[in-house]
Amino acid sequence: MLRLERWNAVPFQLCTREVGHRMAPRALMKAVDELATLNEPLGLPSTKETQGKWEGKATVELKGPTADQVWPFLADFCNLHKWLPGVDTCYQVEGELGQPGLVRYCSSGTASSEGSHEGNKVIWAKEKLIMINPSERCLSYEILENNAGFKSYVATIKVSPINDGDGDGQHGCTIEWSFIADPIEGWPLEDFNSYINSSLQFMGEKMEQDVLSR
C-alpha cells in the first residue's frame, strides 16, 4: 500500500473561481478549510507548498519483513544503487560510515565503452547524512551539490513496525519518506511527488524480495 500526503492548493483556486465576490472573506476561508479537510478522508492526494517550500511524504507498507530486517538496508547509506531505480553509482566520498557527516556520491547514466558520457547526460548529486538514529530506525540527509536542479533538499526516511495489537512487530513494517525542498528546476511539484512515490514503492518491493529470499 502506497500513499502520498501533500496539502493541495487546487481546491482554493477552484473555490475562488466559483464563488467570485458572492462570499464574504471569512465565509470563503471557512469553505477553503472545509475543502482541505476533505482530502484525507476521501483518500485524495494532497500537496503542501508554503512560503516557497515544497513538503511531501510517501509511505509504503511491507507485509512480510520486520522493521529490524529492513532498517539495515537504509542505514547502509552508500548502497542506494542497490534499491533506488535509475541510480547506477553510489559510493562514499568522505566521513565515517554510519555517522552524521558521511557524504555519498550518486549518479545515473552509463558511460560508453570508451568511457565517454557524450550524448548521454549523467545526473549526479552529493548527499550528506545529517542525522541517523538506529533505535528509532530513521535518518535524514541533505543534497550538497548536484546538476539535477536541486537548490535545497532535506529528506527523512523512517522504518516503523506494524503491530496488530500484540506489540511484537512481526506483522511487517512501513517505510516513510518525507522531504522539504525549494522548488526544483524542471519539475512540477506533482511530478516530483509521483517520482518519490514510485521510487519508494520500487524500493519497498526490492527490499521485501531480498528479505523473503533468504
N, C-alpha and C. Protein backbone atom coordinates (compact mmCIF):
# COMPACT_ATOMS: atom_id res chain seq x y z
N MET A 1 0.84 -1.18 0.00
CA MET A 1 0.00 0.00 0.00
C MET A 1 0.88 1.23 0.00
N LEU A 2 0.57 2.17 -0.87
CA LEU A 2 1.40 3.37 -1.00
C LEU A 2 0.50 4.58 -1.02
N ARG A 3 0.87 5.57 -0.22
CA ARG A 3 0.06 6.78 -0.23
C ARG A 3 0.96 8.00 -0.23
N LEU A 4 0.45 9.08 -0.74
CA LEU A 4 1.21 10.32 -0.84
C LEU A 4 0.43 11.39 -0.12
N GLU A 5 1.07 12.08 0.82
CA GLU A 5 0.37 13.06 1.65
C GLU A 5 0.94 14.44 1.38
N ARG A 6 0.16 15.31 0.75
CA ARG A 6 0.57 16.67 0.46
C ARG A 6 -0.65 17.58 0.55
N TRP A 7 -0.45 18.82 0.95
CA TRP A 7 -1.57 19.77 1.02
C TRP A 7 -1.87 20.31 -0.35
N ASN A 8 -3.12 20.24 -0.75
CA ASN A 8 -3.50 20.57 -2.12
C ASN A 8 -4.04 21.98 -2.22
N ALA A 9 -3.37 22.82 -3.01
CA ALA A 9 -3.81 24.21 -3.19
C ALA A 9 -4.91 24.33 -4.22
N VAL A 10 -5.18 23.27 -4.99
CA VAL A 10 -6.15 23.34 -6.07
C VAL A 10 -7.55 23.69 -5.59
N PRO A 11 -8.06 23.08 -4.48
CA PRO A 11 -9.42 23.44 -4.04
C PRO A 11 -9.58 24.93 -3.81
N PHE A 12 -8.57 25.62 -3.29
CA PHE A 12 -8.66 27.06 -3.08
C PHE A 12 -8.85 27.79 -4.40
N GLN A 13 -8.06 27.38 -5.41
CA GLN A 13 -8.18 28.03 -6.71
C GLN A 13 -9.56 27.81 -7.30
N LEU A 14 -10.06 26.58 -7.22
CA LEU A 14 -11.37 26.28 -7.75
C LEU A 14 -12.44 27.06 -7.00
N CYS A 15 -12.28 27.12 -5.69
CA CYS A 15 -13.27 27.80 -4.87
C CYS A 15 -13.36 29.28 -5.22
N THR A 16 -12.21 29.93 -5.37
CA THR A 16 -12.22 31.36 -5.66
C THR A 16 -12.80 31.64 -7.02
N ARG A 17 -12.59 30.74 -7.97
CA ARG A 17 -13.16 30.95 -9.30
C ARG A 17 -14.67 30.80 -9.26
N GLU A 18 -15.16 29.84 -8.47
CA GLU A 18 -16.57 29.53 -8.49
C GLU A 18 -17.39 30.57 -7.73
N VAL A 19 -16.89 31.02 -6.59
CA VAL A 19 -17.73 31.89 -5.78
C VAL A 19 -17.60 33.36 -6.16
N GLY A 20 -16.48 33.74 -6.81
CA GLY A 20 -16.30 35.13 -7.19
C GLY A 20 -16.42 36.04 -5.99
N HIS A 21 -17.30 37.07 -6.07
CA HIS A 21 -17.48 38.02 -4.98
C HIS A 21 -18.76 37.72 -4.19
N ARG A 22 -19.31 36.55 -4.37
CA ARG A 22 -20.58 36.25 -3.72
C ARG A 22 -20.41 35.82 -2.27
N MET A 23 -19.16 35.59 -1.81
CA MET A 23 -18.94 35.08 -0.48
C MET A 23 -18.01 36.03 0.27
N ALA A 24 -18.35 36.33 1.50
CA ALA A 24 -17.51 37.20 2.33
C ALA A 24 -16.20 36.50 2.61
N PRO A 25 -15.10 37.26 2.84
CA PRO A 25 -13.78 36.64 3.08
C PRO A 25 -13.80 35.59 4.18
N ARG A 26 -14.48 35.87 5.30
CA ARG A 26 -14.50 34.90 6.39
C ARG A 26 -15.19 33.60 5.97
N ALA A 27 -16.30 33.74 5.28
CA ALA A 27 -17.02 32.55 4.82
C ALA A 27 -16.21 31.80 3.77
N LEU A 28 -15.50 32.56 2.92
CA LEU A 28 -14.67 31.93 1.89
C LEU A 28 -13.57 31.09 2.52
N MET A 29 -12.87 31.65 3.50
CA MET A 29 -11.79 30.91 4.14
C MET A 29 -12.32 29.69 4.86
N LYS A 30 -13.51 29.79 5.46
CA LYS A 30 -14.11 28.62 6.11
C LYS A 30 -14.37 27.53 5.09
N ALA A 31 -14.86 27.91 3.92
CA ALA A 31 -15.14 26.92 2.88
C ALA A 31 -13.86 26.26 2.40
N VAL A 32 -12.77 27.06 2.27
CA VAL A 32 -11.49 26.51 1.85
C VAL A 32 -10.98 25.50 2.87
N ASP A 33 -11.09 25.85 4.16
CA ASP A 33 -10.64 24.93 5.22
C ASP A 33 -11.42 23.63 5.17
N GLU A 34 -12.73 23.73 4.92
CA GLU A 34 -13.54 22.51 4.85
C GLU A 34 -13.14 21.65 3.68
N LEU A 35 -12.83 22.28 2.53
CA LEU A 35 -12.38 21.52 1.37
C LEU A 35 -11.07 20.82 1.66
N ALA A 36 -10.16 21.50 2.34
CA ALA A 36 -8.85 20.92 2.63
C ALA A 36 -8.98 19.72 3.53
N THR A 37 -9.89 19.77 4.51
CA THR A 37 -10.03 18.65 5.44
C THR A 37 -10.67 17.45 4.78
N LEU A 38 -11.31 17.64 3.63
CA LEU A 38 -11.92 16.52 2.92
C LEU A 38 -10.90 15.66 2.21
N ASN A 39 -9.71 16.20 1.91
CA ASN A 39 -8.72 15.47 1.13
C ASN A 39 -8.38 14.12 1.72
N GLU A 40 -7.99 14.11 3.00
CA GLU A 40 -7.51 12.86 3.58
C GLU A 40 -8.62 11.83 3.76
N PRO A 41 -9.81 12.19 4.32
CA PRO A 41 -10.86 11.18 4.43
C PRO A 41 -11.25 10.57 3.09
N LEU A 42 -11.21 11.36 2.02
CA LEU A 42 -11.59 10.85 0.72
C LEU A 42 -10.46 10.09 0.04
N GLY A 43 -9.27 10.06 0.65
CA GLY A 43 -8.14 9.37 0.06
C GLY A 43 -7.52 10.10 -1.10
N LEU A 44 -7.78 11.40 -1.20
CA LEU A 44 -7.24 12.17 -2.32
C LEU A 44 -5.82 12.59 -2.02
N PRO A 45 -4.96 12.68 -3.05
CA PRO A 45 -3.60 13.19 -2.82
C PRO A 45 -3.67 14.65 -2.41
N SER A 46 -2.73 15.06 -1.59
CA SER A 46 -2.69 16.44 -1.15
C SER A 46 -1.29 16.99 -1.36
N THR A 47 -1.19 18.31 -1.47
CA THR A 47 0.11 18.94 -1.64
C THR A 47 0.29 20.01 -0.60
N LYS A 48 1.54 20.31 -0.31
CA LYS A 48 1.83 21.41 0.61
C LYS A 48 2.92 22.27 -0.02
N GLU A 49 2.59 23.52 -0.23
CA GLU A 49 3.54 24.44 -0.84
C GLU A 49 3.38 25.77 -0.13
N THR A 50 4.15 25.96 0.94
CA THR A 50 4.02 27.14 1.76
C THR A 50 5.34 27.87 1.84
N GLN A 51 5.27 29.19 1.82
CA GLN A 51 6.43 30.05 1.95
C GLN A 51 7.55 29.64 0.99
N GLY A 52 7.17 29.28 -0.23
CA GLY A 52 8.14 28.95 -1.25
C GLY A 52 8.77 27.59 -1.13
N LYS A 53 8.36 26.78 -0.16
CA LYS A 53 8.94 25.45 0.06
C LYS A 53 7.96 24.36 -0.38
N TRP A 54 8.51 23.26 -0.86
CA TRP A 54 7.73 22.05 -1.11
C TRP A 54 7.89 21.11 0.08
N GLU A 55 6.80 20.49 0.49
CA GLU A 55 6.86 19.46 1.51
C GLU A 55 6.03 18.27 1.05
N GLY A 56 6.50 17.07 1.30
CA GLY A 56 5.75 15.90 0.90
C GLY A 56 6.13 14.69 1.72
N LYS A 57 5.28 13.68 1.68
CA LYS A 57 5.54 12.45 2.41
C LYS A 57 4.88 11.28 1.70
N ALA A 58 5.62 10.20 1.52
CA ALA A 58 5.09 8.97 0.93
C ALA A 58 5.35 7.82 1.89
N THR A 59 4.48 6.84 1.88
CA THR A 59 4.62 5.68 2.77
C THR A 59 4.33 4.40 2.00
N VAL A 60 5.15 3.40 2.22
CA VAL A 60 4.92 2.09 1.63
C VAL A 60 4.85 1.06 2.75
N GLU A 61 3.98 0.10 2.60
CA GLU A 61 3.78 -0.94 3.61
C GLU A 61 4.32 -2.27 3.12
N LEU A 62 5.15 -2.91 3.92
CA LEU A 62 5.70 -4.23 3.61
C LEU A 62 5.07 -5.24 4.55
N LYS A 63 4.42 -6.23 4.00
CA LYS A 63 3.66 -7.18 4.82
C LYS A 63 4.53 -8.24 5.47
N GLY A 64 5.64 -8.60 4.83
CA GLY A 64 6.45 -9.70 5.35
C GLY A 64 7.58 -9.28 6.27
N PRO A 65 8.54 -8.51 5.77
CA PRO A 65 9.73 -8.17 6.56
C PRO A 65 9.41 -7.32 7.78
N THR A 66 10.18 -7.50 8.83
CA THR A 66 10.04 -6.68 10.02
C THR A 66 10.87 -5.40 9.85
N ALA A 67 10.61 -4.44 10.73
CA ALA A 67 11.37 -3.19 10.69
C ALA A 67 12.85 -3.44 10.93
N ASP A 68 13.16 -4.37 11.82
CA ASP A 68 14.57 -4.68 12.12
C ASP A 68 15.27 -5.32 10.92
N GLN A 69 14.54 -6.02 10.08
CA GLN A 69 15.14 -6.62 8.90
C GLN A 69 15.36 -5.60 7.78
N VAL A 70 14.51 -4.59 7.70
CA VAL A 70 14.58 -3.61 6.63
C VAL A 70 15.53 -2.46 6.95
N TRP A 71 15.59 -2.06 8.20
CA TRP A 71 16.39 -0.90 8.57
C TRP A 71 17.84 -0.98 8.10
N PRO A 72 18.55 -2.11 8.21
CA PRO A 72 19.95 -2.15 7.76
C PRO A 72 20.13 -1.77 6.29
N PHE A 73 19.14 -2.06 5.45
CA PHE A 73 19.25 -1.68 4.03
C PHE A 73 19.35 -0.16 3.88
N LEU A 74 18.55 0.56 4.66
CA LEU A 74 18.52 2.02 4.57
C LEU A 74 19.68 2.65 5.33
N ALA A 75 20.08 2.03 6.44
CA ALA A 75 21.19 2.55 7.23
C ALA A 75 22.51 2.47 6.47
N ASP A 76 22.58 1.54 5.49
CA ASP A 76 23.77 1.42 4.64
C ASP A 76 23.71 2.54 3.61
N PHE A 77 24.10 3.73 4.02
CA PHE A 77 23.84 4.97 3.28
C PHE A 77 24.49 5.01 1.90
N CYS A 78 25.56 4.28 1.70
CA CYS A 78 26.30 4.36 0.43
C CYS A 78 25.98 3.21 -0.53
N ASN A 79 24.86 2.56 -0.32
CA ASN A 79 24.45 1.49 -1.23
C ASN A 79 23.07 1.76 -1.83
N LEU A 80 22.79 3.05 -2.07
CA LEU A 80 21.48 3.41 -2.61
C LEU A 80 21.23 2.79 -3.98
N HIS A 81 22.30 2.55 -4.75
CA HIS A 81 22.13 2.00 -6.10
C HIS A 81 21.55 0.59 -6.08
N LYS A 82 21.59 -0.07 -4.92
CA LYS A 82 21.00 -1.42 -4.82
C LYS A 82 19.48 -1.37 -4.78
N TRP A 83 18.93 -0.21 -4.40
CA TRP A 83 17.50 -0.15 -4.14
C TRP A 83 16.74 0.87 -4.98
N LEU A 84 17.37 2.00 -5.29
CA LEU A 84 16.64 3.06 -5.97
C LEU A 84 16.75 2.92 -7.48
N PRO A 85 15.63 2.88 -8.19
CA PRO A 85 15.69 2.72 -9.65
C PRO A 85 16.34 3.92 -10.31
N GLY A 86 17.18 3.67 -11.30
CA GLY A 86 17.83 4.73 -12.04
C GLY A 86 19.16 5.18 -11.47
N VAL A 87 19.49 4.78 -10.23
CA VAL A 87 20.78 5.14 -9.66
C VAL A 87 21.78 4.04 -10.01
N ASP A 88 22.77 4.39 -10.81
CA ASP A 88 23.76 3.41 -11.26
C ASP A 88 24.97 3.33 -10.34
N THR A 89 25.30 4.46 -9.70
CA THR A 89 26.51 4.54 -8.89
C THR A 89 26.20 5.21 -7.56
N CYS A 90 26.74 4.66 -6.48
CA CYS A 90 26.63 5.29 -5.17
C CYS A 90 27.83 4.84 -4.34
N TYR A 91 28.63 5.80 -3.88
CA TYR A 91 29.80 5.41 -3.08
C TYR A 91 30.17 6.52 -2.12
N GLN A 92 30.95 6.17 -1.11
CA GLN A 92 31.38 7.08 -0.06
C GLN A 92 32.39 8.09 -0.60
N VAL A 93 32.20 9.36 -0.25
CA VAL A 93 33.12 10.42 -0.65
C VAL A 93 33.97 10.86 0.54
N GLU A 94 33.32 11.07 1.66
CA GLU A 94 34.04 11.46 2.87
C GLU A 94 33.21 11.11 4.10
N GLY A 95 33.85 11.21 5.28
CA GLY A 95 33.16 10.91 6.52
C GLY A 95 33.29 9.47 6.93
N GLU A 96 32.60 9.11 8.01
CA GLU A 96 32.66 7.76 8.57
C GLU A 96 31.34 7.05 8.36
N LEU A 97 31.40 5.81 7.92
CA LEU A 97 30.19 5.03 7.68
C LEU A 97 29.33 4.96 8.94
N GLY A 98 28.03 5.19 8.74
CA GLY A 98 27.10 5.10 9.86
C GLY A 98 27.07 6.31 10.77
N GLN A 99 27.82 7.37 10.43
CA GLN A 99 27.89 8.55 11.30
C GLN A 99 27.46 9.80 10.55
N PRO A 100 26.81 10.75 11.25
CA PRO A 100 26.49 12.03 10.61
C PRO A 100 27.75 12.68 10.04
N GLY A 101 27.61 13.31 8.90
CA GLY A 101 28.76 13.88 8.21
C GLY A 101 29.23 13.03 7.04
N LEU A 102 28.75 11.78 6.98
CA LEU A 102 29.07 10.91 5.85
C LEU A 102 28.49 11.50 4.56
N VAL A 103 29.30 11.56 3.51
CA VAL A 103 28.87 12.10 2.23
C VAL A 103 28.95 11.00 1.17
N ARG A 104 27.89 10.85 0.40
CA ARG A 104 27.88 9.89 -0.70
C ARG A 104 27.73 10.61 -2.04
N TYR A 105 28.26 9.98 -3.08
CA TYR A 105 28.10 10.46 -4.45
C TYR A 105 27.18 9.49 -5.17
N CYS A 106 26.12 10.01 -5.78
CA CYS A 106 25.17 9.18 -6.53
C CYS A 106 25.07 9.72 -7.95
N SER A 107 24.94 8.82 -8.91
CA SER A 107 24.77 9.26 -10.29
C SER A 107 23.94 8.25 -11.06
N SER A 108 23.33 8.73 -12.13
CA SER A 108 22.60 7.86 -13.05
C SER A 108 23.02 8.22 -14.46
N GLY A 109 23.21 7.20 -15.27
CA GLY A 109 23.73 7.39 -16.62
C GLY A 109 24.94 6.51 -16.80
N THR A 110 25.02 5.81 -17.92
CA THR A 110 26.08 4.85 -18.15
C THR A 110 27.03 5.34 -19.23
N ALA A 111 28.31 5.26 -18.97
CA ALA A 111 29.31 5.69 -19.94
C ALA A 111 29.41 4.69 -21.08
N SER A 112 29.91 5.16 -22.22
CA SER A 112 30.14 4.28 -23.36
C SER A 112 31.35 3.40 -23.09
N SER A 113 31.63 2.46 -24.00
CA SER A 113 32.76 1.55 -23.82
C SER A 113 34.09 2.30 -23.82
N GLU A 114 34.11 3.51 -24.43
CA GLU A 114 35.33 4.32 -24.44
C GLU A 114 35.44 5.20 -23.21
N GLY A 115 34.45 5.09 -22.31
CA GLY A 115 34.48 5.87 -21.09
C GLY A 115 33.90 7.26 -21.24
N SER A 116 33.28 7.55 -22.38
CA SER A 116 32.71 8.87 -22.61
C SER A 116 31.23 8.87 -22.29
N HIS A 117 30.74 10.01 -21.76
CA HIS A 117 29.32 10.19 -21.49
C HIS A 117 28.68 11.08 -22.55
N GLU A 118 29.39 11.31 -23.64
CA GLU A 118 28.87 12.19 -24.68
C GLU A 118 27.56 11.65 -25.23
N GLY A 119 26.56 12.52 -25.29
CA GLY A 119 25.25 12.13 -25.80
C GLY A 119 24.40 11.42 -24.77
N ASN A 120 24.91 11.22 -23.58
CA ASN A 120 24.15 10.55 -22.52
C ASN A 120 24.40 11.31 -21.23
N LYS A 121 23.51 12.23 -20.90
CA LYS A 121 23.71 13.11 -19.75
C LYS A 121 23.73 12.32 -18.45
N VAL A 122 24.73 12.59 -17.64
CA VAL A 122 24.85 11.94 -16.34
C VAL A 122 24.30 12.88 -15.29
N ILE A 123 23.32 12.41 -14.53
CA ILE A 123 22.75 13.18 -13.43
C ILE A 123 23.43 12.74 -12.15
N TRP A 124 23.93 13.70 -11.36
CA TRP A 124 24.68 13.33 -10.17
C TRP A 124 24.32 14.23 -8.99
N ALA A 125 24.63 13.74 -7.80
CA ALA A 125 24.42 14.53 -6.59
C ALA A 125 25.34 14.02 -5.49
N LYS A 126 25.79 14.96 -4.66
CA LYS A 126 26.49 14.62 -3.42
C LYS A 126 25.52 14.86 -2.27
N GLU A 127 25.35 13.84 -1.42
CA GLU A 127 24.36 13.90 -0.35
C GLU A 127 25.02 13.62 0.99
N LYS A 128 24.65 14.41 1.99
CA LYS A 128 25.29 14.32 3.31
C LYS A 128 24.31 13.77 4.36
N LEU A 129 24.73 12.77 5.09
CA LEU A 129 23.95 12.23 6.19
C LEU A 129 24.03 13.22 7.36
N ILE A 130 22.91 13.77 7.76
CA ILE A 130 22.92 14.77 8.83
C ILE A 130 22.36 14.24 10.15
N MET A 131 21.65 13.11 10.10
CA MET A 131 21.12 12.51 11.32
C MET A 131 20.86 11.03 11.07
N ILE A 132 21.24 10.19 12.05
CA ILE A 132 20.89 8.78 11.98
C ILE A 132 20.63 8.29 13.39
N ASN A 133 19.50 7.62 13.58
CA ASN A 133 19.08 7.14 14.89
C ASN A 133 18.66 5.68 14.76
N PRO A 134 19.58 4.74 15.02
CA PRO A 134 19.25 3.32 14.86
C PRO A 134 18.12 2.85 15.76
N SER A 135 18.01 3.39 16.97
CA SER A 135 16.96 2.94 17.89
C SER A 135 15.57 3.33 17.37
N GLU A 136 15.50 4.47 16.67
CA GLU A 136 14.23 4.91 16.07
C GLU A 136 14.11 4.49 14.61
N ARG A 137 15.17 3.92 14.07
CA ARG A 137 15.24 3.47 12.68
C ARG A 137 14.90 4.62 11.72
N CYS A 138 15.60 5.70 11.85
CA CYS A 138 15.36 6.82 10.95
C CYS A 138 16.68 7.54 10.67
N LEU A 139 16.71 8.22 9.54
CA LEU A 139 17.87 9.02 9.15
C LEU A 139 17.40 10.20 8.32
N SER A 140 18.23 11.24 8.30
CA SER A 140 17.97 12.41 7.47
C SER A 140 19.23 12.74 6.68
N TYR A 141 19.03 13.25 5.47
CA TYR A 141 20.17 13.67 4.65
C TYR A 141 19.79 14.90 3.84
N GLU A 142 20.82 15.60 3.37
CA GLU A 142 20.60 16.77 2.53
C GLU A 142 21.47 16.69 1.28
N ILE A 143 21.01 17.34 0.22
CA ILE A 143 21.79 17.41 -1.01
C ILE A 143 22.74 18.60 -0.91
N LEU A 144 24.03 18.32 -1.10
CA LEU A 144 25.04 19.37 -1.05
C LEU A 144 25.28 20.01 -2.41
N GLU A 145 25.56 19.17 -3.40
CA GLU A 145 25.83 19.62 -4.77
C GLU A 145 25.12 18.69 -5.73
N ASN A 146 24.75 19.21 -6.89
CA ASN A 146 24.06 18.37 -7.87
C ASN A 146 23.95 19.11 -9.19
N ASN A 147 23.57 18.38 -10.23
CA ASN A 147 23.27 19.02 -11.53
C ASN A 147 21.85 18.69 -11.97
N ALA A 148 20.99 18.39 -10.98
CA ALA A 148 19.61 18.00 -11.27
C ALA A 148 18.60 19.09 -10.96
N GLY A 149 19.08 20.29 -10.59
CA GLY A 149 18.16 21.39 -10.35
C GLY A 149 17.77 21.60 -8.90
N PHE A 150 18.34 20.82 -7.96
CA PHE A 150 18.01 20.99 -6.55
C PHE A 150 18.77 22.18 -5.98
N LYS A 151 18.05 23.06 -5.27
CA LYS A 151 18.67 24.18 -4.57
C LYS A 151 18.80 23.86 -3.09
N SER A 152 17.75 23.36 -2.52
CA SER A 152 17.75 22.95 -1.11
C SER A 152 16.83 21.75 -0.98
N TYR A 153 17.33 20.66 -0.41
CA TYR A 153 16.53 19.44 -0.28
C TYR A 153 17.00 18.67 0.95
N VAL A 154 16.09 18.42 1.87
CA VAL A 154 16.36 17.60 3.06
C VAL A 154 15.28 16.53 3.14
N ALA A 155 15.69 15.28 3.30
CA ALA A 155 14.75 14.17 3.36
C ALA A 155 14.97 13.37 4.64
N THR A 156 13.90 12.79 5.14
CA THR A 156 13.95 11.90 6.30
C THR A 156 13.28 10.59 5.92
N ILE A 157 13.94 9.49 6.23
CA ILE A 157 13.40 8.16 5.97
C ILE A 157 13.31 7.42 7.29
N LYS A 158 12.17 6.83 7.55
CA LYS A 158 11.92 6.15 8.82
C LYS A 158 11.24 4.81 8.58
N VAL A 159 11.68 3.80 9.32
CA VAL A 159 11.07 2.47 9.25
C VAL A 159 10.35 2.20 10.57
N SER A 160 9.10 1.80 10.49
CA SER A 160 8.30 1.56 11.69
C SER A 160 7.65 0.19 11.63
N PRO A 161 7.56 -0.52 12.76
CA PRO A 161 6.90 -1.84 12.77
C PRO A 161 5.39 -1.69 12.65
N ILE A 162 4.77 -2.71 12.09
CA ILE A 162 3.31 -2.79 12.07
C ILE A 162 2.91 -3.79 13.14
N ASN A 163 2.19 -3.32 14.13
CA ASN A 163 1.75 -4.19 15.22
C ASN A 163 0.23 -4.32 15.17
N ASP A 164 -0.23 -5.55 15.14
CA ASP A 164 -1.67 -5.80 15.10
C ASP A 164 -2.24 -6.04 16.49
N GLY A 165 -1.81 -5.21 17.42
CA GLY A 165 -2.37 -5.30 18.75
C GLY A 165 -1.55 -6.09 19.75
N ASP A 166 -0.61 -6.94 19.28
CA ASP A 166 0.16 -7.75 20.22
C ASP A 166 1.53 -7.15 20.52
N GLY A 167 1.93 -6.12 19.74
CA GLY A 167 3.15 -5.40 20.06
C GLY A 167 4.43 -6.13 19.72
N ASP A 168 4.37 -7.25 18.97
CA ASP A 168 5.60 -7.99 18.71
C ASP A 168 6.30 -7.53 17.43
N GLY A 169 5.65 -6.66 16.65
CA GLY A 169 6.29 -6.12 15.46
C GLY A 169 6.56 -7.15 14.38
N GLN A 170 5.86 -8.27 14.41
CA GLN A 170 6.13 -9.35 13.46
C GLN A 170 5.15 -9.36 12.29
N HIS A 171 4.48 -8.26 12.07
CA HIS A 171 3.46 -8.22 11.03
C HIS A 171 3.84 -7.27 9.90
N GLY A 172 5.12 -7.11 9.67
CA GLY A 172 5.56 -6.24 8.61
C GLY A 172 6.01 -4.88 9.12
N CYS A 173 6.18 -3.96 8.20
CA CYS A 173 6.66 -2.63 8.57
C CYS A 173 6.25 -1.62 7.52
N THR A 174 6.43 -0.37 7.85
CA THR A 174 6.22 0.70 6.88
C THR A 174 7.51 1.50 6.72
N ILE A 175 7.73 2.00 5.52
CA ILE A 175 8.83 2.92 5.26
C ILE A 175 8.21 4.26 4.88
N GLU A 176 8.63 5.30 5.57
CA GLU A 176 8.11 6.64 5.31
C GLU A 176 9.24 7.52 4.79
N TRP A 177 8.98 8.20 3.70
CA TRP A 177 9.96 9.08 3.07
C TRP A 177 9.34 10.47 3.00
N SER A 178 9.84 11.41 3.80
CA SER A 178 9.34 12.78 3.80
C SER A 178 10.45 13.73 3.37
N PHE A 179 10.05 14.87 2.87
CA PHE A 179 11.05 15.83 2.39
C PHE A 179 10.55 17.25 2.50
N ILE A 180 11.49 18.18 2.52
CA ILE A 180 11.21 19.60 2.37
C ILE A 180 12.27 20.15 1.43
N ALA A 181 11.84 20.93 0.45
CA ALA A 181 12.77 21.37 -0.59
C ALA A 181 12.32 22.69 -1.19
N ASP A 182 13.27 23.40 -1.78
CA ASP A 182 12.90 24.52 -2.64
C ASP A 182 12.34 23.94 -3.94
N PRO A 183 11.48 24.68 -4.63
CA PRO A 183 11.01 24.21 -5.93
C PRO A 183 12.19 23.82 -6.81
N ILE A 184 12.02 22.72 -7.54
CA ILE A 184 13.13 22.13 -8.30
C ILE A 184 12.99 22.49 -9.77
N GLU A 185 14.06 22.99 -10.31
CA GLU A 185 14.08 23.42 -11.70
C GLU A 185 13.69 22.26 -12.63
N GLY A 186 12.69 22.49 -13.46
CA GLY A 186 12.28 21.49 -14.43
C GLY A 186 11.29 20.47 -13.91
N TRP A 187 10.88 20.59 -12.63
CA TRP A 187 9.95 19.62 -12.04
C TRP A 187 8.69 20.32 -11.55
N PRO A 188 7.52 19.99 -12.07
CA PRO A 188 6.29 20.38 -11.38
C PRO A 188 6.21 19.60 -10.06
N LEU A 189 5.60 20.18 -9.06
CA LEU A 189 5.50 19.52 -7.75
C LEU A 189 4.83 18.16 -7.86
N GLU A 190 3.76 18.07 -8.66
CA GLU A 190 3.04 16.81 -8.79
C GLU A 190 3.93 15.72 -9.37
N ASP A 191 4.75 16.07 -10.37
CA ASP A 191 5.64 15.09 -10.98
C ASP A 191 6.71 14.63 -10.01
N PHE A 192 7.23 15.56 -9.20
CA PHE A 192 8.26 15.17 -8.25
C PHE A 192 7.70 14.24 -7.18
N ASN A 193 6.50 14.53 -6.71
CA ASN A 193 5.87 13.65 -5.74
C ASN A 193 5.58 12.27 -6.32
N SER A 194 5.21 12.23 -7.59
CA SER A 194 4.99 10.94 -8.25
C SER A 194 6.29 10.15 -8.32
N TYR A 195 7.40 10.86 -8.54
CA TYR A 195 8.71 10.21 -8.57
C TYR A 195 9.05 9.62 -7.20
N ILE A 196 8.87 10.41 -6.14
CA ILE A 196 9.12 9.91 -4.78
C ILE A 196 8.24 8.71 -4.49
N ASN A 197 7.00 8.83 -4.86
CA ASN A 197 6.00 7.78 -4.64
C ASN A 197 6.40 6.46 -5.32
N SER A 198 6.69 6.52 -6.60
CA SER A 198 7.02 5.30 -7.35
C SER A 198 8.37 4.75 -6.94
N SER A 199 9.32 5.64 -6.62
CA SER A 199 10.64 5.18 -6.19
C SER A 199 10.54 4.40 -4.88
N LEU A 200 9.75 4.90 -3.94
CA LEU A 200 9.60 4.22 -2.66
C LEU A 200 8.90 2.88 -2.83
N GLN A 201 7.91 2.83 -3.71
CA GLN A 201 7.25 1.55 -3.99
C GLN A 201 8.25 0.53 -4.52
N PHE A 202 9.09 0.96 -5.46
CA PHE A 202 10.09 0.07 -6.04
C PHE A 202 11.08 -0.39 -4.97
N MET A 203 11.56 0.54 -4.15
CA MET A 203 12.49 0.20 -3.08
C MET A 203 11.89 -0.81 -2.12
N GLY A 204 10.64 -0.56 -1.72
CA GLY A 204 9.98 -1.47 -0.79
C GLY A 204 9.85 -2.87 -1.34
N GLU A 205 9.50 -2.98 -2.61
CA GLU A 205 9.35 -4.30 -3.23
C GLU A 205 10.69 -5.04 -3.30
N LYS A 206 11.75 -4.31 -3.64
CA LYS A 206 13.07 -4.95 -3.73
C LYS A 206 13.55 -5.41 -2.36
N MET A 207 13.34 -4.58 -1.35
CA MET A 207 13.77 -4.96 0.00
C MET A 207 12.96 -6.14 0.52
N GLU A 208 11.67 -6.14 0.23
CA GLU A 208 10.83 -7.26 0.64
C GLU A 208 11.28 -8.56 -0.02
N GLN A 209 11.58 -8.50 -1.32
CA GLN A 209 12.04 -9.68 -2.03
C GLN A 209 13.37 -10.18 -1.47
N ASP A 210 14.25 -9.25 -1.13
CA ASP A 210 15.55 -9.63 -0.58
C ASP A 210 15.40 -10.37 0.74
N VAL A 211 14.55 -9.85 1.63
CA VAL A 211 14.36 -10.49 2.94
C VAL A 211 13.70 -11.86 2.78
N LEU A 212 12.67 -11.94 1.97
CA LEU A 212 11.93 -13.19 1.84
C LEU A 212 12.70 -14.27 1.08
N SER A 213 13.71 -13.86 0.31
CA SER A 213 14.50 -14.84 -0.45
C SER A 213 15.59 -15.49 0.40
N ARG A 214 15.81 -15.01 1.60
CA ARG A 214 16.88 -15.56 2.44
C ARG A 214 16.45 -16.86 3.13
